[in-house]
N, C-alpha and C. Protein backbone atom coordinates (compact mmCIF):
# COMPACT_ATOMS: atom_id res chain seq x y z
N MET A 1 18.77 26.34 58.83
CA MET A 1 17.60 25.55 58.44
C MET A 1 17.63 25.25 56.95
N ASN A 2 17.92 26.27 56.13
CA ASN A 2 17.99 26.06 54.68
C ASN A 2 19.08 25.07 54.32
N GLU A 3 20.21 25.15 55.02
CA GLU A 3 21.32 24.24 54.75
C GLU A 3 20.93 22.81 55.13
N LEU A 4 20.20 22.67 56.23
CA LEU A 4 19.74 21.34 56.65
C LEU A 4 18.79 20.75 55.63
N ILE A 5 17.85 21.56 55.15
CA ILE A 5 16.89 21.09 54.15
C ILE A 5 17.62 20.69 52.87
N ARG A 6 18.61 21.49 52.48
CA ARG A 6 19.36 21.20 51.26
C ARG A 6 20.10 19.87 51.40
N ARG A 7 20.71 19.64 52.56
CA ARG A 7 21.44 18.39 52.77
C ARG A 7 20.51 17.19 52.74
N ILE A 8 19.32 17.36 53.33
CA ILE A 8 18.36 16.26 53.35
C ILE A 8 17.89 15.93 51.94
N LEU A 9 17.54 16.98 51.19
CA LEU A 9 17.02 16.76 49.84
C LEU A 9 18.06 16.18 48.90
N PHE A 10 19.32 16.54 49.11
CA PHE A 10 20.37 16.06 48.21
C PHE A 10 21.01 14.77 48.70
N SER A 11 20.59 14.27 49.84
CA SER A 11 21.08 12.99 50.31
C SER A 11 20.33 11.87 49.61
N SER A 12 20.87 10.65 49.69
CA SER A 12 20.23 9.51 49.05
C SER A 12 18.84 9.25 49.62
N ILE A 13 18.73 9.23 50.93
CA ILE A 13 17.43 8.97 51.56
C ILE A 13 16.47 10.12 51.32
N GLY A 14 17.01 11.35 51.28
CA GLY A 14 16.17 12.51 51.02
C GLY A 14 15.52 12.45 49.65
N LYS A 15 16.30 12.04 48.64
CA LYS A 15 15.75 11.93 47.28
C LYS A 15 14.69 10.82 47.22
N LYS A 16 14.94 9.71 47.92
CA LYS A 16 13.95 8.62 47.93
C LYS A 16 12.66 9.06 48.61
N ILE A 17 12.79 9.83 49.68
CA ILE A 17 11.60 10.34 50.37
C ILE A 17 10.82 11.28 49.44
N LEU A 18 11.56 12.13 48.71
CA LEU A 18 10.90 13.05 47.79
C LEU A 18 10.16 12.30 46.69
N VAL A 19 10.78 11.23 46.19
CA VAL A 19 10.10 10.40 45.19
C VAL A 19 8.84 9.78 45.79
N GLY A 20 8.94 9.32 47.04
CA GLY A 20 7.79 8.72 47.70
C GLY A 20 6.66 9.71 47.92
N VAL A 21 7.00 10.90 48.41
CA VAL A 21 5.98 11.91 48.69
C VAL A 21 5.29 12.36 47.41
N THR A 22 6.08 12.65 46.37
CA THR A 22 5.47 13.06 45.10
C THR A 22 4.65 11.93 44.50
N GLY A 23 5.11 10.70 44.69
CA GLY A 23 4.35 9.56 44.19
C GLY A 23 3.00 9.43 44.87
N VAL A 24 2.96 9.63 46.19
CA VAL A 24 1.70 9.57 46.94
C VAL A 24 0.77 10.69 46.48
N LEU A 25 1.31 11.89 46.25
CA LEU A 25 0.48 13.00 45.77
C LEU A 25 -0.10 12.69 44.39
N LEU A 26 0.70 12.08 43.52
CA LEU A 26 0.22 11.72 42.19
C LEU A 26 -0.85 10.63 42.27
N CYS A 27 -0.70 9.72 43.22
CA CYS A 27 -1.73 8.69 43.42
C CYS A 27 -3.05 9.33 43.83
N GLY A 28 -2.97 10.35 44.68
CA GLY A 28 -4.18 11.08 45.06
C GLY A 28 -4.85 11.73 43.86
N PHE A 29 -4.03 12.29 42.98
CA PHE A 29 -4.58 12.90 41.76
C PHE A 29 -5.24 11.85 40.88
N LEU A 30 -4.62 10.67 40.76
CA LEU A 30 -5.20 9.62 39.93
C LEU A 30 -6.58 9.20 40.44
N ILE A 31 -6.72 9.12 41.75
CA ILE A 31 -8.01 8.74 42.32
C ILE A 31 -9.08 9.78 41.97
N SER A 32 -8.75 11.06 42.16
CA SER A 32 -9.72 12.11 41.88
C SER A 32 -10.02 12.21 40.39
N HIS A 33 -9.00 12.02 39.55
CA HIS A 33 -9.17 12.11 38.10
C HIS A 33 -10.04 10.96 37.60
N LEU A 34 -9.82 9.76 38.13
CA LEU A 34 -10.64 8.62 37.74
C LEU A 34 -12.09 8.84 38.17
N ALA A 35 -12.28 9.36 39.38
CA ALA A 35 -13.64 9.63 39.86
C ALA A 35 -14.36 10.60 38.93
N GLY A 36 -13.66 11.62 38.47
CA GLY A 36 -14.27 12.56 37.54
C GLY A 36 -14.56 11.93 36.19
N ASN A 37 -13.63 11.12 35.70
CA ASN A 37 -13.82 10.48 34.40
C ASN A 37 -14.99 9.52 34.38
N LEU A 38 -15.34 8.97 35.54
CA LEU A 38 -16.45 8.02 35.60
C LEU A 38 -17.79 8.69 35.30
N PHE A 39 -17.83 10.03 35.28
CA PHE A 39 -19.04 10.72 34.86
C PHE A 39 -19.37 10.41 33.40
N LEU A 40 -18.39 9.93 32.65
CA LEU A 40 -18.66 9.49 31.28
C LEU A 40 -19.78 8.45 31.25
N LEU A 41 -19.76 7.57 32.22
CA LEU A 41 -20.74 6.48 32.27
C LEU A 41 -22.13 6.98 32.66
N VAL A 42 -22.18 8.15 33.30
CA VAL A 42 -23.47 8.72 33.71
C VAL A 42 -24.19 9.31 32.51
N GLY A 43 -23.42 9.99 31.64
CA GLY A 43 -24.04 10.56 30.45
C GLY A 43 -23.40 11.86 30.03
N GLU A 44 -23.82 12.35 28.88
CA GLU A 44 -23.22 13.55 28.29
C GLU A 44 -23.40 14.78 29.16
N GLU A 45 -24.60 15.01 29.65
CA GLU A 45 -24.86 16.21 30.43
C GLU A 45 -24.04 16.23 31.72
N ALA A 46 -23.98 15.09 32.40
CA ALA A 46 -23.25 15.02 33.65
C ALA A 46 -21.75 15.23 33.42
N PHE A 47 -21.20 14.60 32.39
CA PHE A 47 -19.77 14.72 32.15
C PHE A 47 -19.40 16.13 31.70
N ASN A 48 -20.19 16.72 30.80
CA ASN A 48 -19.89 18.07 30.34
C ASN A 48 -20.02 19.08 31.48
N HIS A 49 -20.99 18.87 32.37
CA HIS A 49 -21.14 19.76 33.53
C HIS A 49 -19.93 19.66 34.43
N TYR A 50 -19.46 18.44 34.65
CA TYR A 50 -18.26 18.23 35.47
C TYR A 50 -17.06 18.93 34.84
N ALA A 51 -16.89 18.75 33.52
CA ALA A 51 -15.74 19.34 32.82
C ALA A 51 -15.80 20.86 32.84
N GLU A 52 -16.99 21.44 32.63
CA GLU A 52 -17.12 22.89 32.62
C GLU A 52 -16.92 23.48 34.01
N THR A 53 -17.42 22.79 35.02
CA THR A 53 -17.23 23.25 36.40
C THR A 53 -15.75 23.28 36.75
N LEU A 54 -15.05 22.24 36.32
CA LEU A 54 -13.61 22.16 36.57
C LEU A 54 -12.86 23.26 35.83
N ALA A 55 -13.25 23.48 34.57
CA ALA A 55 -12.55 24.46 33.73
C ALA A 55 -12.74 25.89 34.25
N HIS A 56 -13.89 26.18 34.86
CA HIS A 56 -14.18 27.53 35.33
C HIS A 56 -13.81 27.73 36.80
N ASN A 57 -13.24 26.73 37.41
CA ASN A 57 -12.80 26.87 38.79
C ASN A 57 -11.59 27.82 38.84
N PRO A 58 -11.64 28.89 39.63
CA PRO A 58 -10.52 29.86 39.65
C PRO A 58 -9.22 29.25 40.18
N PHE A 59 -9.31 28.11 40.85
CA PHE A 59 -8.10 27.49 41.40
C PHE A 59 -7.51 26.43 40.47
N ILE A 60 -8.11 26.25 39.30
CA ILE A 60 -7.67 25.16 38.44
C ILE A 60 -6.26 25.40 37.90
N LEU A 61 -5.94 26.64 37.53
CA LEU A 61 -4.60 26.93 37.00
C LEU A 61 -3.52 26.72 38.05
N PRO A 62 -3.66 27.30 39.27
CA PRO A 62 -2.65 27.01 40.29
C PRO A 62 -2.53 25.52 40.59
N ALA A 63 -3.67 24.81 40.60
CA ALA A 63 -3.64 23.37 40.87
C ALA A 63 -2.89 22.63 39.77
N GLU A 64 -3.12 23.04 38.51
CA GLU A 64 -2.43 22.39 37.39
C GLU A 64 -0.93 22.66 37.43
N LEU A 65 -0.55 23.88 37.79
CA LEU A 65 0.87 24.22 37.90
C LEU A 65 1.53 23.44 39.03
N ALA A 66 0.83 23.32 40.14
CA ALA A 66 1.36 22.55 41.27
C ALA A 66 1.50 21.08 40.89
N LEU A 67 0.50 20.55 40.19
CA LEU A 67 0.55 19.17 39.75
C LEU A 67 1.70 18.95 38.79
N LEU A 68 1.92 19.90 37.88
CA LEU A 68 3.03 19.81 36.94
C LEU A 68 4.36 19.80 37.68
N ALA A 69 4.50 20.65 38.68
CA ALA A 69 5.73 20.70 39.47
C ALA A 69 5.97 19.37 40.19
N VAL A 70 4.91 18.80 40.76
CA VAL A 70 5.03 17.51 41.44
C VAL A 70 5.44 16.42 40.46
N PHE A 71 4.80 16.43 39.29
CA PHE A 71 5.08 15.41 38.28
C PHE A 71 6.53 15.50 37.79
N LEU A 72 6.98 16.71 37.49
CA LEU A 72 8.35 16.89 37.00
C LEU A 72 9.37 16.54 38.08
N ALA A 73 9.07 16.91 39.33
CA ALA A 73 9.97 16.57 40.44
C ALA A 73 10.05 15.06 40.60
N HIS A 74 8.92 14.39 40.48
CA HIS A 74 8.89 12.93 40.60
C HIS A 74 9.75 12.28 39.52
N ILE A 75 9.60 12.74 38.29
CA ILE A 75 10.37 12.17 37.18
C ILE A 75 11.87 12.43 37.36
N ALA A 76 12.20 13.69 37.63
CA ALA A 76 13.61 14.07 37.70
C ALA A 76 14.34 13.36 38.84
N VAL A 77 13.74 13.37 40.03
CA VAL A 77 14.41 12.77 41.19
C VAL A 77 14.45 11.25 41.05
N ALA A 78 13.36 10.65 40.53
CA ALA A 78 13.35 9.20 40.33
C ALA A 78 14.43 8.78 39.34
N ALA A 79 14.65 9.59 38.29
CA ALA A 79 15.69 9.29 37.32
C ALA A 79 17.07 9.34 37.96
N VAL A 80 17.29 10.35 38.79
CA VAL A 80 18.58 10.48 39.49
C VAL A 80 18.80 9.30 40.42
N VAL A 81 17.78 8.93 41.18
CA VAL A 81 17.89 7.80 42.10
C VAL A 81 18.19 6.52 41.33
N SER A 82 17.51 6.31 40.21
CA SER A 82 17.72 5.10 39.40
C SER A 82 19.14 5.03 38.87
N ILE A 83 19.65 6.15 38.38
CA ILE A 83 21.01 6.20 37.84
C ILE A 83 22.03 5.94 38.95
N GLN A 84 21.83 6.56 40.10
CA GLN A 84 22.75 6.38 41.23
C GLN A 84 22.73 4.94 41.74
N ASN A 85 21.55 4.34 41.79
CA ASN A 85 21.45 2.95 42.24
C ASN A 85 22.18 2.00 41.31
N LYS A 86 22.01 2.20 40.01
CA LYS A 86 22.68 1.34 39.05
C LYS A 86 24.19 1.51 39.10
N ALA A 87 24.64 2.74 39.31
CA ALA A 87 26.08 3.00 39.37
C ALA A 87 26.70 2.40 40.62
N ALA A 88 25.90 2.27 41.69
CA ALA A 88 26.43 1.78 42.97
C ALA A 88 26.39 0.26 43.08
N ARG A 89 25.66 -0.41 42.19
CA ARG A 89 25.50 -1.85 42.30
C ARG A 89 26.44 -2.59 41.37
N PRO A 90 27.21 -3.54 41.88
CA PRO A 90 28.01 -4.39 41.01
C PRO A 90 27.10 -5.24 40.14
N VAL A 91 27.62 -5.65 38.97
CA VAL A 91 26.82 -6.44 38.04
C VAL A 91 26.37 -7.74 38.67
N ALA A 92 27.24 -8.40 39.41
CA ALA A 92 26.89 -9.68 40.02
C ALA A 92 25.74 -9.53 40.99
N TYR A 93 25.75 -8.40 41.76
CA TYR A 93 24.68 -8.15 42.71
C TYR A 93 23.36 -7.91 41.99
N GLU A 94 23.44 -7.23 40.86
CA GLU A 94 22.23 -6.95 40.10
C GLU A 94 21.63 -8.24 39.56
N VAL A 95 22.48 -9.14 39.07
CA VAL A 95 21.99 -10.41 38.55
C VAL A 95 21.36 -11.23 39.66
N GLN A 96 22.01 -11.24 40.81
CA GLN A 96 21.49 -11.99 41.94
C GLN A 96 20.16 -11.44 42.40
N ARG A 97 20.04 -10.11 42.40
CA ARG A 97 18.80 -9.47 42.85
C ARG A 97 17.66 -9.78 41.89
N SER A 98 17.96 -9.83 40.59
CA SER A 98 16.92 -10.07 39.61
C SER A 98 16.31 -11.45 39.77
N LYS A 99 17.06 -12.39 40.40
CA LYS A 99 16.54 -13.72 40.63
C LYS A 99 15.79 -13.83 41.95
N GLY A 100 15.85 -12.75 42.73
CA GLY A 100 15.28 -12.82 44.07
C GLY A 100 13.95 -12.11 44.17
N GLY A 101 13.90 -11.06 45.03
CA GLY A 101 12.63 -10.45 45.37
C GLY A 101 12.12 -9.39 44.43
N SER A 102 12.79 -9.14 43.32
CA SER A 102 12.29 -8.12 42.41
C SER A 102 11.05 -8.62 41.68
N THR A 103 10.28 -7.69 41.17
CA THR A 103 9.05 -8.02 40.44
C THR A 103 9.12 -7.42 39.05
N VAL A 104 8.13 -7.79 38.23
CA VAL A 104 8.06 -7.20 36.89
C VAL A 104 7.89 -5.69 37.00
N GLY A 105 7.08 -5.26 37.97
CA GLY A 105 6.88 -3.83 38.15
C GLY A 105 8.15 -3.09 38.51
N SER A 106 8.95 -3.67 39.42
CA SER A 106 10.19 -3.00 39.84
C SER A 106 11.23 -2.99 38.72
N ARG A 107 11.25 -4.05 37.91
CA ARG A 107 12.26 -4.14 36.85
C ARG A 107 11.90 -3.27 35.63
N THR A 108 10.66 -2.85 35.54
CA THR A 108 10.24 -2.07 34.37
C THR A 108 9.83 -0.64 34.74
N MET A 109 10.22 -0.17 35.92
CA MET A 109 9.83 1.16 36.36
C MET A 109 10.24 2.25 35.37
N VAL A 110 11.46 2.17 34.86
CA VAL A 110 11.94 3.19 33.92
C VAL A 110 11.14 3.14 32.63
N TYR A 111 10.93 1.94 32.09
CA TYR A 111 10.23 1.82 30.81
C TYR A 111 8.77 2.24 30.93
N SER A 112 8.11 1.80 32.00
CA SER A 112 6.71 2.20 32.19
C SER A 112 6.61 3.70 32.43
N GLY A 113 7.60 4.26 33.13
CA GLY A 113 7.60 5.70 33.36
C GLY A 113 7.74 6.50 32.08
N VAL A 114 8.61 6.04 31.17
CA VAL A 114 8.79 6.72 29.88
C VAL A 114 7.51 6.64 29.06
N LEU A 115 6.89 5.45 29.03
CA LEU A 115 5.64 5.29 28.28
C LEU A 115 4.55 6.19 28.84
N LEU A 116 4.47 6.29 30.16
CA LEU A 116 3.46 7.14 30.79
C LEU A 116 3.69 8.61 30.49
N PHE A 117 4.95 9.01 30.40
CA PHE A 117 5.26 10.40 30.06
C PHE A 117 4.79 10.71 28.63
N VAL A 118 5.08 9.80 27.69
CA VAL A 118 4.62 9.99 26.31
C VAL A 118 3.10 10.03 26.27
N PHE A 119 2.46 9.12 27.01
CA PHE A 119 1.00 9.09 27.05
C PHE A 119 0.44 10.41 27.58
N LEU A 120 1.06 10.95 28.62
CA LEU A 120 0.57 12.19 29.22
C LEU A 120 0.60 13.34 28.22
N VAL A 121 1.70 13.43 27.45
CA VAL A 121 1.82 14.49 26.44
C VAL A 121 0.70 14.36 25.42
N VAL A 122 0.48 13.13 24.91
CA VAL A 122 -0.56 12.89 23.92
C VAL A 122 -1.94 13.15 24.52
N HIS A 123 -2.13 12.72 25.74
CA HIS A 123 -3.42 12.86 26.43
C HIS A 123 -3.78 14.33 26.61
N ILE A 124 -2.83 15.13 27.07
CA ILE A 124 -3.09 16.56 27.27
C ILE A 124 -3.36 17.25 25.94
N LYS A 125 -2.57 16.91 24.93
CA LYS A 125 -2.77 17.51 23.60
C LYS A 125 -4.16 17.17 23.06
N THR A 126 -4.61 15.95 23.29
CA THR A 126 -5.89 15.50 22.74
C THR A 126 -7.08 16.12 23.46
N PHE A 127 -7.07 16.11 24.78
CA PHE A 127 -8.27 16.49 25.52
C PHE A 127 -8.23 17.89 26.13
N LYS A 128 -7.05 18.40 26.43
CA LYS A 128 -7.01 19.76 26.99
C LYS A 128 -6.94 20.81 25.89
N TYR A 129 -6.21 20.51 24.82
CA TYR A 129 -6.03 21.48 23.75
C TYR A 129 -6.71 21.04 22.45
N GLY A 130 -7.49 19.98 22.50
CA GLY A 130 -8.23 19.55 21.33
C GLY A 130 -9.48 20.39 21.12
N ASP A 131 -10.15 20.19 20.00
CA ASP A 131 -11.36 20.93 19.66
C ASP A 131 -12.54 20.27 20.38
N VAL A 132 -13.05 20.94 21.41
CA VAL A 132 -14.14 20.35 22.18
C VAL A 132 -15.45 20.37 21.41
N GLY A 133 -15.57 21.28 20.41
CA GLY A 133 -16.77 21.30 19.58
C GLY A 133 -18.03 21.39 20.43
N PRO A 134 -18.93 20.42 20.28
CA PRO A 134 -20.18 20.47 21.05
C PRO A 134 -20.01 20.10 22.52
N GLY A 135 -18.82 19.76 22.92
CA GLY A 135 -18.59 19.42 24.32
C GLY A 135 -17.48 18.40 24.47
N LEU A 136 -16.89 18.35 25.67
CA LEU A 136 -15.78 17.42 25.91
C LEU A 136 -16.24 15.97 25.79
N TYR A 137 -17.48 15.71 26.16
CA TYR A 137 -18.02 14.35 26.06
C TYR A 137 -17.92 13.85 24.63
N HIS A 138 -18.31 14.68 23.69
CA HIS A 138 -18.27 14.30 22.27
C HIS A 138 -16.83 14.09 21.81
N LEU A 139 -15.92 14.95 22.25
CA LEU A 139 -14.51 14.81 21.88
C LEU A 139 -13.94 13.50 22.42
N VAL A 140 -14.27 13.17 23.66
CA VAL A 140 -13.76 11.93 24.26
C VAL A 140 -14.26 10.72 23.49
N LEU A 141 -15.57 10.68 23.23
CA LEU A 141 -16.12 9.52 22.53
C LEU A 141 -15.60 9.43 21.10
N THR A 142 -15.44 10.58 20.45
CA THR A 142 -14.89 10.58 19.09
C THR A 142 -13.46 10.07 19.08
N SER A 143 -12.66 10.51 20.04
CA SER A 143 -11.26 10.08 20.11
C SER A 143 -11.16 8.59 20.33
N PHE A 144 -12.05 8.04 21.15
CA PHE A 144 -11.99 6.61 21.47
C PHE A 144 -12.63 5.74 20.39
N GLN A 145 -13.16 6.36 19.33
CA GLN A 145 -13.59 5.57 18.18
C GLN A 145 -12.40 5.18 17.31
N ASN A 146 -11.26 5.81 17.56
CA ASN A 146 -10.02 5.46 16.85
C ASN A 146 -9.40 4.25 17.54
N PRO A 147 -9.34 3.09 16.85
CA PRO A 147 -8.84 1.88 17.51
C PRO A 147 -7.37 1.99 17.94
N PHE A 148 -6.58 2.78 17.20
CA PHE A 148 -5.16 2.91 17.54
C PHE A 148 -4.99 3.73 18.81
N TYR A 149 -5.78 4.80 18.95
CA TYR A 149 -5.68 5.61 20.15
C TYR A 149 -6.20 4.83 21.36
N THR A 150 -7.29 4.09 21.15
CA THR A 150 -7.84 3.28 22.24
C THR A 150 -6.84 2.23 22.69
N ALA A 151 -6.19 1.56 21.74
CA ALA A 151 -5.19 0.54 22.07
C ALA A 151 -4.00 1.17 22.80
N PHE A 152 -3.58 2.35 22.35
CA PHE A 152 -2.47 3.05 23.01
C PHE A 152 -2.85 3.43 24.44
N TYR A 153 -4.07 3.89 24.63
CA TYR A 153 -4.56 4.28 25.95
C TYR A 153 -4.55 3.08 26.89
N VAL A 154 -5.08 1.94 26.42
CA VAL A 154 -5.15 0.74 27.24
C VAL A 154 -3.75 0.24 27.58
N LEU A 155 -2.85 0.28 26.59
CA LEU A 155 -1.46 -0.12 26.83
C LEU A 155 -0.81 0.76 27.89
N ALA A 156 -1.05 2.06 27.81
CA ALA A 156 -0.49 2.99 28.79
C ALA A 156 -1.05 2.72 30.18
N MET A 157 -2.32 2.35 30.26
CA MET A 157 -2.92 2.05 31.56
C MET A 157 -2.36 0.74 32.13
N ALA A 158 -2.03 -0.21 31.25
CA ALA A 158 -1.37 -1.43 31.71
C ALA A 158 0.00 -1.08 32.29
N ALA A 159 0.71 -0.17 31.62
CA ALA A 159 2.00 0.30 32.13
C ALA A 159 1.83 1.01 33.46
N ALA A 160 0.75 1.78 33.58
CA ALA A 160 0.47 2.48 34.86
C ALA A 160 0.26 1.47 35.98
N GLY A 161 -0.45 0.39 35.66
CA GLY A 161 -0.66 -0.65 36.67
C GLY A 161 0.64 -1.27 37.13
N LEU A 162 1.52 -1.57 36.18
CA LEU A 162 2.83 -2.13 36.52
C LEU A 162 3.63 -1.15 37.37
N HIS A 163 3.62 0.11 36.97
CA HIS A 163 4.37 1.15 37.67
C HIS A 163 3.86 1.29 39.11
N LEU A 164 2.55 1.33 39.25
CA LEU A 164 1.95 1.51 40.58
C LEU A 164 2.10 0.27 41.45
N SER A 165 2.14 -0.92 40.83
CA SER A 165 2.24 -2.15 41.62
C SER A 165 3.50 -2.17 42.47
N HIS A 166 4.56 -1.54 41.95
CA HIS A 166 5.79 -1.43 42.75
C HIS A 166 5.88 -0.08 43.44
N GLY A 167 5.50 0.99 42.73
CA GLY A 167 5.69 2.33 43.26
C GLY A 167 4.87 2.62 44.51
N ALA A 168 3.62 2.12 44.56
CA ALA A 168 2.76 2.42 45.70
C ALA A 168 3.33 1.83 46.99
N GLN A 169 3.66 0.54 46.96
CA GLN A 169 4.19 -0.08 48.18
C GLN A 169 5.58 0.44 48.51
N SER A 170 6.37 0.74 47.50
CA SER A 170 7.71 1.27 47.73
C SER A 170 7.66 2.64 48.39
N ALA A 171 6.68 3.46 47.99
CA ALA A 171 6.54 4.79 48.57
C ALA A 171 6.25 4.71 50.06
N PHE A 172 5.35 3.82 50.46
CA PHE A 172 5.01 3.68 51.88
C PHE A 172 6.21 3.16 52.68
N GLN A 173 6.96 2.24 52.11
CA GLN A 173 8.13 1.71 52.81
C GLN A 173 9.19 2.79 52.96
N THR A 174 9.38 3.61 51.92
CA THR A 174 10.36 4.69 51.99
C THR A 174 9.97 5.71 53.05
N LEU A 175 8.68 5.92 53.22
CA LEU A 175 8.21 6.90 54.20
C LEU A 175 8.15 6.33 55.61
N GLY A 176 8.66 5.11 55.78
CA GLY A 176 8.78 4.52 57.10
C GLY A 176 7.62 3.65 57.53
N ILE A 177 6.62 3.47 56.64
CA ILE A 177 5.50 2.59 56.98
C ILE A 177 5.88 1.18 56.58
N ASN A 178 6.67 0.55 57.42
CA ASN A 178 7.24 -0.75 57.09
C ASN A 178 7.38 -1.57 58.38
N HIS A 179 6.62 -2.64 58.46
CA HIS A 179 6.66 -3.50 59.64
C HIS A 179 6.36 -4.92 59.19
N PRO A 180 7.09 -5.92 59.75
CA PRO A 180 6.87 -7.31 59.30
C PRO A 180 5.40 -7.73 59.34
N ARG A 181 4.65 -7.18 60.29
CA ARG A 181 3.25 -7.58 60.41
C ARG A 181 2.40 -6.94 59.32
N TYR A 182 2.76 -5.69 58.93
CA TYR A 182 1.92 -4.95 58.00
C TYR A 182 2.44 -4.94 56.56
N THR A 183 3.69 -5.32 56.34
CA THR A 183 4.25 -5.28 54.99
C THR A 183 3.45 -6.10 53.99
N PRO A 184 3.03 -7.34 54.33
CA PRO A 184 2.21 -8.09 53.37
C PRO A 184 0.90 -7.37 53.02
N LEU A 185 0.30 -6.71 54.03
CA LEU A 185 -0.92 -5.97 53.77
C LEU A 185 -0.67 -4.77 52.87
N ILE A 186 0.46 -4.10 53.10
CA ILE A 186 0.82 -2.95 52.28
C ILE A 186 1.04 -3.38 50.84
N LYS A 187 1.74 -4.52 50.66
CA LYS A 187 1.98 -5.02 49.30
C LYS A 187 0.67 -5.40 48.62
N ALA A 188 -0.22 -6.06 49.37
CA ALA A 188 -1.51 -6.45 48.81
C ALA A 188 -2.34 -5.22 48.44
N ALA A 189 -2.32 -4.21 49.34
CA ALA A 189 -3.05 -2.98 49.06
C ALA A 189 -2.48 -2.27 47.84
N GLY A 190 -1.15 -2.33 47.68
CA GLY A 190 -0.52 -1.73 46.51
C GLY A 190 -0.98 -2.39 45.22
N TRP A 191 -1.06 -3.72 45.25
CA TRP A 191 -1.52 -4.45 44.07
C TRP A 191 -2.99 -4.13 43.77
N VAL A 192 -3.81 -4.08 44.80
CA VAL A 192 -5.23 -3.77 44.60
C VAL A 192 -5.40 -2.36 44.05
N PHE A 193 -4.65 -1.41 44.61
CA PHE A 193 -4.73 -0.03 44.13
C PHE A 193 -4.28 0.06 42.68
N ALA A 194 -3.16 -0.59 42.36
CA ALA A 194 -2.64 -0.56 40.98
C ALA A 194 -3.64 -1.16 40.01
N ALA A 195 -4.23 -2.28 40.38
CA ALA A 195 -5.21 -2.94 39.51
C ALA A 195 -6.45 -2.08 39.36
N GLY A 196 -6.91 -1.47 40.46
CA GLY A 196 -8.11 -0.64 40.40
C GLY A 196 -7.93 0.58 39.50
N ILE A 197 -6.79 1.26 39.65
CA ILE A 197 -6.53 2.44 38.82
C ILE A 197 -6.37 2.03 37.35
N SER A 198 -5.59 0.99 37.10
CA SER A 198 -5.34 0.56 35.73
C SER A 198 -6.62 0.12 35.03
N LEU A 199 -7.37 -0.76 35.68
CA LEU A 199 -8.61 -1.27 35.08
C LEU A 199 -9.67 -0.18 34.99
N GLY A 200 -9.71 0.70 35.99
CA GLY A 200 -10.69 1.77 35.98
C GLY A 200 -10.51 2.69 34.78
N PHE A 201 -9.28 3.15 34.57
CA PHE A 201 -9.02 4.04 33.43
C PHE A 201 -9.16 3.29 32.10
N ALA A 202 -8.65 2.07 32.03
CA ALA A 202 -8.69 1.32 30.78
C ALA A 202 -10.11 0.97 30.36
N SER A 203 -11.00 0.81 31.33
CA SER A 203 -12.38 0.43 30.99
C SER A 203 -13.11 1.53 30.23
N LEU A 204 -12.72 2.79 30.43
CA LEU A 204 -13.45 3.90 29.81
C LEU A 204 -13.27 3.95 28.29
N PRO A 205 -12.04 3.89 27.75
CA PRO A 205 -11.93 3.86 26.29
C PRO A 205 -12.54 2.60 25.68
N LEU A 206 -12.45 1.48 26.39
CA LEU A 206 -13.05 0.25 25.88
C LEU A 206 -14.57 0.36 25.85
N TRP A 207 -15.13 0.95 26.90
CA TRP A 207 -16.57 1.19 26.94
C TRP A 207 -16.99 2.09 25.78
N ALA A 208 -16.23 3.18 25.57
CA ALA A 208 -16.58 4.12 24.50
C ALA A 208 -16.43 3.48 23.13
N TYR A 209 -15.43 2.64 22.96
CA TYR A 209 -15.18 2.03 21.65
C TYR A 209 -16.23 0.98 21.30
N PHE A 210 -16.61 0.19 22.29
CA PHE A 210 -17.52 -0.93 22.02
C PHE A 210 -18.99 -0.62 22.31
N ARG A 211 -19.25 0.60 22.76
CA ARG A 211 -20.65 0.94 23.07
C ARG A 211 -21.50 0.80 21.82
N THR A 212 -22.73 0.34 21.98
CA THR A 212 -23.59 0.05 20.84
C THR A 212 -24.42 1.24 20.37
N GLY A 213 -24.51 2.26 21.23
CA GLY A 213 -25.39 3.37 20.87
C GLY A 213 -24.83 4.32 19.83
N GLY A 214 -23.54 4.28 19.57
CA GLY A 214 -22.94 5.21 18.64
C GLY A 214 -22.81 6.59 19.25
N LEU A 215 -22.30 7.53 18.47
CA LEU A 215 -22.13 8.89 18.96
C LEU A 215 -23.49 9.57 19.12
N PRO A 216 -23.61 10.40 20.14
CA PRO A 216 -24.89 11.11 20.35
C PRO A 216 -25.14 12.12 19.25
């Protein structure tokens, strides 16, 4: 059984499935994380209560470690798949493909992935290990008063949208959810999901930066 699992995971299709599964898990995290972040719009008390409840949850550390493992597995295996695909494709085929069914999202997966990795490091350093002072709400709003950080955040969310526009539909196709009747719907749903996540996250720093009330 262990030998069978090893062969599957180290095969080409096995690595693609692993990328798809980890990608779907990360999409689930993005949905829950965005839902939590929307408490910013409710107010300081609601957001700080949400943040403190999350921080004192006894399962938060195991969940964070599991999420880190999923994230690292997604990056590592996706990088291997990308390298192997490029090595297996003749230059002429690559040029021909670029004129055909590829999209901006598919052609920039590596670049958007690198930008998102840099963003994640900065994001964790700023909000997880930053000085919360009177509360995380205050730290978030203070951070988003910096126009450079806000612009970087919005740029990263645009990259996330591009990444998800291809990654979401590709993950479902890799997992076997692929049928001529449903493929257009899957692609449309992928675009809607990518746009929703990107615009949802990007709207928060813009709201904080342009809000008229100032810091509480």
